[in-house]
Structure formats: structure tokens, C-alpha cells
Amino acid sequence: MLELRPNCECCDKDLPPGSAEARICTYECTFCADCVETKLKGVCPNCGGNLVARPIRPPGKLLKDPASTRRILKPEGCAA
């Protein structure tokens, strides 16, 4: 199950579970759409994989399986 991390690893922008701006790789590194487009050019700086839109968990399912609250920030690793 996806963690649904709460922020962009580059700019620390909040990405709540219902955000259509969240992008992830297969390791679930999480970035905002703006950083993916302008800084990362669609490639995860951690693993080299592609970044795609993160699925949105339905609100009712968040009660049983809540989103993560653990923030990860690595601005030094987000250069294009």
C-alpha cells in the first residue's frame, strides 16, 4: 500500500492525500508537479526512474489506511 507521503522532497510543498499535484516513482519518492516539470524533467533524482501521478486514495479508505505524516526533504538532491 502506498504511504502517501505528505510533501515534495525538493521544495517541501504540502501534498495532501487528495492532491492531484503529487508525483511518485516506483520507490514512492514524492515530488510536486512543478518540481518534476521544471527541475527534474520527469526523472527521479534518487533512483533514475520516471515520475507519474500519484493515485488518490478515496476519503473513506483514508480512515482505515491513513496517509503518512513523515516528511522527507532533500533539496540538495533535486537539481536537474
N, C-alpha and C. Protein backbone atom coordinates (compact mmCIF):
# COMPACT_ATOMS: atom_id res chain seq x y z
N MET A 1 0.85 -1.17 0.00
CA MET A 1 0.00 0.00 0.00
C MET A 1 0.90 1.24 0.00
N LEU A 2 0.50 2.24 -0.76
CA LEU A 2 1.27 3.47 -0.83
C LEU A 2 1.23 4.23 0.49
N GLU A 3 2.36 4.85 0.83
CA GLU A 3 2.44 5.65 2.06
C GLU A 3 1.66 6.95 1.94
N LEU A 4 1.60 7.50 0.74
CA LEU A 4 1.01 8.83 0.51
C LEU A 4 1.75 9.86 1.35
N ARG A 5 3.03 10.04 1.02
CA ARG A 5 3.88 10.98 1.75
C ARG A 5 3.33 12.40 1.63
N PRO A 6 3.51 13.20 2.66
CA PRO A 6 2.81 14.49 2.76
C PRO A 6 3.45 15.70 2.10
N ASN A 7 4.63 15.54 1.47
CA ASN A 7 5.30 16.72 0.94
C ASN A 7 6.22 16.39 -0.23
N CYS A 8 6.60 17.45 -0.93
CA CYS A 8 7.57 17.35 -2.02
C CYS A 8 8.97 17.27 -1.42
N GLU A 9 9.77 16.31 -1.86
CA GLU A 9 11.13 16.15 -1.35
C GLU A 9 12.03 17.30 -1.78
N CYS A 10 11.68 18.04 -2.83
CA CYS A 10 12.52 19.15 -3.30
C CYS A 10 12.19 20.47 -2.61
N CYS A 11 10.94 20.86 -2.63
CA CYS A 11 10.57 22.21 -2.16
C CYS A 11 9.75 22.21 -0.88
N ASP A 12 9.41 21.03 -0.37
CA ASP A 12 8.63 20.86 0.86
C ASP A 12 7.18 21.32 0.74
N LYS A 13 6.68 21.47 -0.47
CA LYS A 13 5.28 21.83 -0.66
C LYS A 13 4.39 20.73 -0.09
N ASP A 14 3.33 21.13 0.59
CA ASP A 14 2.37 20.15 1.12
C ASP A 14 1.66 19.44 -0.01
N LEU A 15 1.57 18.12 0.10
CA LEU A 15 0.87 17.29 -0.89
C LEU A 15 -0.08 16.37 -0.13
N PRO A 16 -1.25 16.89 0.23
CA PRO A 16 -2.21 16.06 0.98
C PRO A 16 -2.65 14.85 0.15
N PRO A 17 -3.25 13.87 0.80
CA PRO A 17 -3.62 12.62 0.11
C PRO A 17 -4.45 12.82 -1.16
N GLY A 18 -5.26 13.86 -1.22
CA GLY A 18 -6.10 14.10 -2.38
C GLY A 18 -5.49 15.00 -3.43
N SER A 19 -4.22 15.32 -3.30
CA SER A 19 -3.57 16.25 -4.23
C SER A 19 -3.35 15.64 -5.60
N ALA A 20 -3.81 16.34 -6.62
CA ALA A 20 -3.56 15.92 -8.00
C ALA A 20 -2.17 16.35 -8.46
N GLU A 21 -1.45 17.10 -7.64
CA GLU A 21 -0.11 17.59 -7.99
C GLU A 21 1.00 16.64 -7.57
N ALA A 22 0.71 15.60 -6.80
CA ALA A 22 1.74 14.68 -6.31
C ALA A 22 2.21 13.75 -7.41
N ARG A 23 3.53 13.56 -7.48
CA ARG A 23 4.15 12.64 -8.43
C ARG A 23 5.05 11.69 -7.64
N ILE A 24 5.09 10.42 -8.06
CA ILE A 24 5.91 9.42 -7.38
C ILE A 24 6.65 8.54 -8.39
N CYS A 25 7.72 7.90 -7.89
CA CYS A 25 8.43 6.88 -8.68
C CYS A 25 8.06 5.51 -8.09
N THR A 26 8.69 4.45 -8.57
CA THR A 26 8.36 3.11 -8.07
C THR A 26 8.79 2.89 -6.63
N TYR A 27 9.69 3.73 -6.11
CA TYR A 27 10.09 3.65 -4.70
C TYR A 27 9.28 4.60 -3.83
N GLU A 28 8.35 5.27 -4.44
CA GLU A 28 7.45 6.22 -3.79
C GLU A 28 8.14 7.50 -3.33
N CYS A 29 9.27 7.84 -3.93
CA CYS A 29 9.82 9.16 -3.73
C CYS A 29 8.74 10.11 -4.21
N THR A 30 8.52 11.21 -3.52
CA THR A 30 7.36 12.06 -3.78
C THR A 30 7.78 13.49 -4.08
N PHE A 31 7.23 14.03 -5.15
CA PHE A 31 7.55 15.39 -5.59
C PHE A 31 6.29 16.07 -6.09
N CYS A 32 6.31 17.39 -6.13
CA CYS A 32 5.18 18.13 -6.69
C CYS A 32 5.34 18.23 -8.20
N ALA A 33 4.25 18.48 -8.89
CA ALA A 33 4.26 18.55 -10.36
C ALA A 33 5.20 19.64 -10.85
N ASP A 34 5.26 20.77 -10.14
CA ASP A 34 6.12 21.87 -10.57
C ASP A 34 7.60 21.46 -10.54
N CYS A 35 8.05 20.84 -9.46
CA CYS A 35 9.45 20.41 -9.38
C CYS A 35 9.75 19.34 -10.42
N VAL A 36 8.81 18.42 -10.64
CA VAL A 36 9.01 17.36 -11.63
C VAL A 36 9.20 17.96 -13.02
N GLU A 37 8.40 18.96 -13.35
CA GLU A 37 8.47 19.57 -14.68
C GLU A 37 9.65 20.52 -14.83
N THR A 38 9.91 21.36 -13.84
CA THR A 38 10.93 22.41 -14.00
C THR A 38 12.33 22.02 -13.55
N LYS A 39 12.45 21.19 -12.53
CA LYS A 39 13.77 20.83 -12.01
C LYS A 39 14.20 19.43 -12.39
N LEU A 40 13.27 18.50 -12.36
CA LEU A 40 13.64 17.09 -12.50
C LEU A 40 13.41 16.52 -13.90
N LYS A 41 12.67 17.23 -14.72
CA LYS A 41 12.39 16.80 -16.10
C LYS A 41 11.82 15.39 -16.16
N GLY A 42 10.98 15.04 -15.16
CA GLY A 42 10.29 13.77 -15.16
C GLY A 42 11.08 12.58 -14.66
N VAL A 43 12.30 12.82 -14.15
CA VAL A 43 13.15 11.72 -13.70
C VAL A 43 13.43 11.84 -12.21
N CYS A 44 13.26 10.75 -11.47
CA CYS A 44 13.51 10.75 -10.04
C CYS A 44 15.01 10.92 -9.78
N PRO A 45 15.41 11.91 -8.97
CA PRO A 45 16.82 12.13 -8.70
C PRO A 45 17.42 11.05 -7.79
N ASN A 46 16.58 10.27 -7.15
CA ASN A 46 17.06 9.24 -6.22
C ASN A 46 17.34 7.91 -6.91
N CYS A 47 16.46 7.51 -7.84
CA CYS A 47 16.62 6.18 -8.46
C CYS A 47 16.77 6.23 -9.98
N GLY A 48 16.47 7.38 -10.59
CA GLY A 48 16.57 7.48 -12.04
C GLY A 48 15.33 7.02 -12.78
N GLY A 49 14.32 6.59 -12.05
CA GLY A 49 13.08 6.15 -12.67
C GLY A 49 12.18 7.31 -13.06
N ASN A 50 11.10 6.99 -13.77
CA ASN A 50 10.17 8.03 -14.17
C ASN A 50 9.24 8.39 -13.03
N LEU A 51 8.66 9.58 -13.09
CA LEU A 51 7.73 10.08 -12.08
C LEU A 51 6.36 10.21 -12.71
N VAL A 52 5.36 9.65 -12.03
CA VAL A 52 3.99 9.65 -12.54
C VAL A 52 3.03 10.18 -11.48
N ALA A 53 1.83 10.50 -11.89
CA ALA A 53 0.82 10.99 -10.95
C ALA A 53 0.55 9.95 -9.87
N ARG A 54 0.51 10.41 -8.62
CA ARG A 54 0.21 9.51 -7.50
C ARG A 54 -1.29 9.26 -7.45
N PRO A 55 -1.70 8.02 -7.30
CA PRO A 55 -3.14 7.73 -7.18
C PRO A 55 -3.72 8.41 -5.94
N ILE A 56 -4.99 8.71 -6.00
CA ILE A 56 -5.68 9.34 -4.88
C ILE A 56 -6.50 8.28 -4.16
N ARG A 57 -6.23 8.12 -2.87
CA ARG A 57 -6.98 7.16 -2.06
C ARG A 57 -8.32 7.78 -1.70
N PRO A 58 -9.43 7.07 -1.91
CA PRO A 58 -10.74 7.61 -1.57
C PRO A 58 -10.81 7.99 -0.08
N PRO A 59 -11.49 9.11 0.22
CA PRO A 59 -11.55 9.59 1.61
C PRO A 59 -11.99 8.53 2.62
N GLY A 60 -12.94 7.70 2.27
CA GLY A 60 -13.40 6.66 3.19
C GLY A 60 -12.32 5.64 3.52
N LYS A 61 -11.43 5.39 2.58
CA LYS A 61 -10.35 4.43 2.79
C LYS A 61 -9.23 5.04 3.65
N LEU A 62 -9.13 6.37 3.66
CA LEU A 62 -8.12 7.03 4.49
C LEU A 62 -8.39 6.83 5.97
N LEU A 63 -9.63 6.57 6.33
CA LEU A 63 -9.96 6.31 7.74
C LEU A 63 -9.30 5.02 8.21
N LYS A 64 -9.36 4.01 7.35
CA LYS A 64 -8.76 2.71 7.69
C LYS A 64 -7.25 2.72 7.47
N ASP A 65 -6.81 3.33 6.39
CA ASP A 65 -5.40 3.35 6.00
C ASP A 65 -4.96 4.80 5.78
N PRO A 66 -4.63 5.52 6.85
CA PRO A 66 -4.29 6.94 6.72
C PRO A 66 -2.97 7.18 5.99
N ALA A 67 -2.83 8.38 5.46
CA ALA A 67 -1.61 8.79 4.78
C ALA A 67 -0.48 8.97 5.80
N SER A 68 0.73 8.86 5.31
CA SER A 68 1.91 9.06 6.16
C SER A 68 2.00 10.52 6.61
N THR A 69 2.61 10.73 7.75
CA THR A 69 2.89 12.09 8.24
C THR A 69 4.39 12.37 8.24
N ARG A 70 5.18 11.37 7.81
CA ARG A 70 6.65 11.50 7.80
C ARG A 70 7.09 12.34 6.60
N ARG A 71 7.69 13.48 6.89
CA ARG A 71 8.15 14.39 5.84
C ARG A 71 9.60 14.06 5.47
N ILE A 72 9.87 14.05 4.17
CA ILE A 72 11.23 13.83 3.67
C ILE A 72 11.58 15.05 2.83
N LEU A 73 12.73 15.65 3.10
CA LEU A 73 13.15 16.84 2.36
C LEU A 73 14.62 16.69 1.99
N LYS A 74 14.91 16.74 0.69
CA LYS A 74 16.28 16.61 0.19
C LYS A 74 16.54 17.64 -0.90
N PRO A 75 16.45 18.93 -0.59
CA PRO A 75 16.60 19.95 -1.64
C PRO A 75 17.94 19.87 -2.36
N GLU A 76 18.99 19.38 -1.69
CA GLU A 76 20.29 19.28 -2.33
C GLU A 76 20.32 18.21 -3.41
N GLY A 77 19.40 17.26 -3.36
CA GLY A 77 19.37 16.19 -4.35
C GLY A 77 18.37 16.40 -5.46
N CYS A 78 17.87 17.63 -5.59
CA CYS A 78 16.83 17.87 -6.56
C CYS A 78 17.25 18.73 -7.74
N ALA A 79 18.52 18.87 -7.94
CA ALA A 79 18.99 19.64 -9.09
C ALA A 79 18.77 18.84 -10.36
N ALA A 80 18.47 19.55 -11.42
CA ALA A 80 18.21 18.89 -12.72
C ALA A 80 19.50 18.27 -13.24
